[in-house]
């Protein structure tokens, strides 16, 4: 975790502000890879896979957030687990996409 991330939380606490951390939401790997391939070409998917895949990095980041929350003794909202436990992520992603399309009119 970035030292500036930690120092920002510590600064807030020194001013009697209680920071809280949120885990990253789950993602749809296929949709993610399509999105970056559209922007950067298909070889980017090979690179991301070669360095562990996006799921690996998301998991590592969330573990660091949980560790930091414990270290700083601040609340952690586990967005990822909540969303994953609420049902079919694919359906939620489709609903989110259709809402985005509807609001752009």
Protein backbone atom coordinates (compact mmCIF):
# COMPACT_ATOMS: atom_id res chain seq x y z
CA UNK A 1 0.00 0.00 0.00
CA UNK A 2 1.26 3.44 -0.83
CA UNK A 3 2.82 5.41 2.04
CA UNK A 4 0.76 8.44 0.95
CA UNK A 5 -2.41 6.37 1.28
CA UNK A 6 -1.49 5.47 4.84
CA UNK A 7 -0.31 8.99 5.74
CA UNK A 8 -3.55 10.45 4.38
CA UNK A 9 -5.57 8.19 6.68
CA UNK A 10 -3.28 9.03 9.61
CA UNK A 11 -3.64 12.76 8.91
CA UNK A 12 -7.42 12.45 8.92
CA UNK A 13 -7.31 10.65 12.27
CA UNK A 14 -5.09 13.39 13.75
CA UNK A 15 -7.97 15.83 13.00
CA UNK A 16 -10.53 13.57 14.73
CA UNK A 17 -11.86 12.31 11.40
CA UNK A 18 -12.47 8.59 11.19
CA UNK A 19 -11.46 7.35 7.75
CA UNK A 20 -12.83 4.12 6.41
CA UNK A 21 -11.58 1.86 3.66
CA UNK A 22 -13.52 0.01 1.00
CA UNK A 23 -12.40 -3.07 -0.86
CA UNK A 24 -12.45 -3.04 -4.63
CA UNK A 25 -15.67 -4.36 -6.12
CA UNK A 26 -15.51 -7.61 -8.08
CA UNK A 27 -14.97 -7.31 -11.78
CA UNK A 28 -15.91 -9.32 -14.80
CA UNK A 29 -12.52 -10.46 -16.18
CA UNK A 30 -13.80 -11.07 -19.72
CA UNK A 31 -15.35 -7.62 -19.87
CA UNK A 32 -12.20 -6.07 -18.41
CA UNK A 33 -9.94 -7.76 -20.97
CA UNK A 34 -12.25 -6.72 -23.83
CA UNK A 35 -12.16 -3.15 -22.59
CA UNK A 36 -8.38 -2.91 -22.37
CA UNK A 37 -7.96 -4.75 -25.68
CA UNK A 38 -10.20 -2.16 -27.34
CA UNK A 39 -8.04 0.63 -25.94
CA UNK A 40 -4.54 -0.86 -26.13
CA UNK A 41 -4.70 -3.80 -28.56
CA UNK A 42 -4.99 -7.52 -27.90
CA UNK A 43 -1.38 -7.98 -26.79
CA UNK A 44 -2.16 -6.16 -23.52
CA UNK A 45 -4.29 -9.11 -22.41
CA UNK A 46 -1.31 -11.41 -22.83
CA UNK A 47 0.85 -9.06 -20.76
CA UNK A 48 -1.73 -8.79 -17.94
CA UNK A 49 -2.10 -12.58 -17.90
CA UNK A 50 1.67 -13.00 -17.87
CA UNK A 51 2.00 -10.90 -14.69
CA UNK A 52 -0.71 -12.80 -12.81
CA UNK A 53 -3.99 -11.62 -14.25
CA UNK A 54 -6.28 -8.88 -13.04
CA UNK A 55 -7.98 -11.16 -10.50
CA UNK A 56 -4.60 -11.79 -8.85
CA UNK A 57 -3.81 -8.07 -8.53
CA UNK A 58 -7.33 -7.24 -7.33
CA UNK A 59 -7.01 -9.90 -4.64
CA UNK A 60 -3.59 -8.65 -3.53
CA UNK A 61 -4.84 -5.05 -3.35
CA UNK A 62 -7.87 -6.07 -1.27
CA UNK A 63 -5.66 -8.06 1.12
CA UNK A 64 -3.45 -4.98 1.57
CA UNK A 65 -6.52 -2.82 2.25
CA UNK A 66 -7.71 -5.28 4.91
CA UNK A 67 -4.26 -5.35 6.49
CA UNK A 68 -4.06 -1.54 6.51
CA UNK A 69 -7.52 -1.25 8.07
CA UNK A 70 -6.44 -3.62 10.85
CA UNK A 71 -3.14 -1.77 11.34
CA UNK A 72 -4.81 1.64 11.55
CA UNK A 73 -7.82 0.26 13.44
CA UNK A 74 -10.27 1.87 11.03
CA UNK A 75 -13.48 0.43 9.61
CA UNK A 76 -13.32 -1.61 6.40
CA UNK A 77 -16.36 -2.00 4.16
CA UNK A 78 -15.96 -5.22 2.24
CA UNK A 79 -17.75 -4.20 -0.95
CA UNK A 80 -16.32 -7.16 -2.88
CA UNK A 81 -17.68 -9.86 -0.55
CA UNK A 82 -21.05 -8.14 -0.24
CA UNK A 83 -21.56 -7.87 -3.98
CA UNK A 84 -20.29 -11.40 -4.64
CA UNK A 85 -22.63 -12.83 -1.99
CA UNK A 86 -25.64 -11.00 -3.39
CA UNK A 87 -26.02 -13.19 -6.45
CA UNK A 88 -25.03 -13.49 -10.07
CA UNK A 89 -22.39 -10.88 -10.81
CA UNK A 90 -22.98 -11.22 -14.56
CA UNK A 91 -26.60 -10.13 -14.16
CA UNK A 92 -25.58 -7.22 -11.95
CA UNK A 93 -23.01 -6.12 -14.53
CA UNK A 94 -25.59 -6.33 -17.34
CA UNK A 95 -28.05 -4.26 -15.28
CA UNK A 96 -25.34 -1.70 -14.56
CA UNK A 97 -24.47 -1.45 -18.25
CA UNK A 98 -28.10 -0.98 -19.28
CA UNK A 99 -28.57 1.72 -16.61
CA UNK A 100 -25.52 3.56 -17.91
CA UNK A 101 -26.93 3.45 -21.44
CA UNK A 102 -30.32 4.71 -20.22
CA UNK A 103 -28.87 7.68 -18.34
CA UNK A 104 -26.78 8.80 -21.33
CA UNK A 105 -29.89 9.71 -23.34
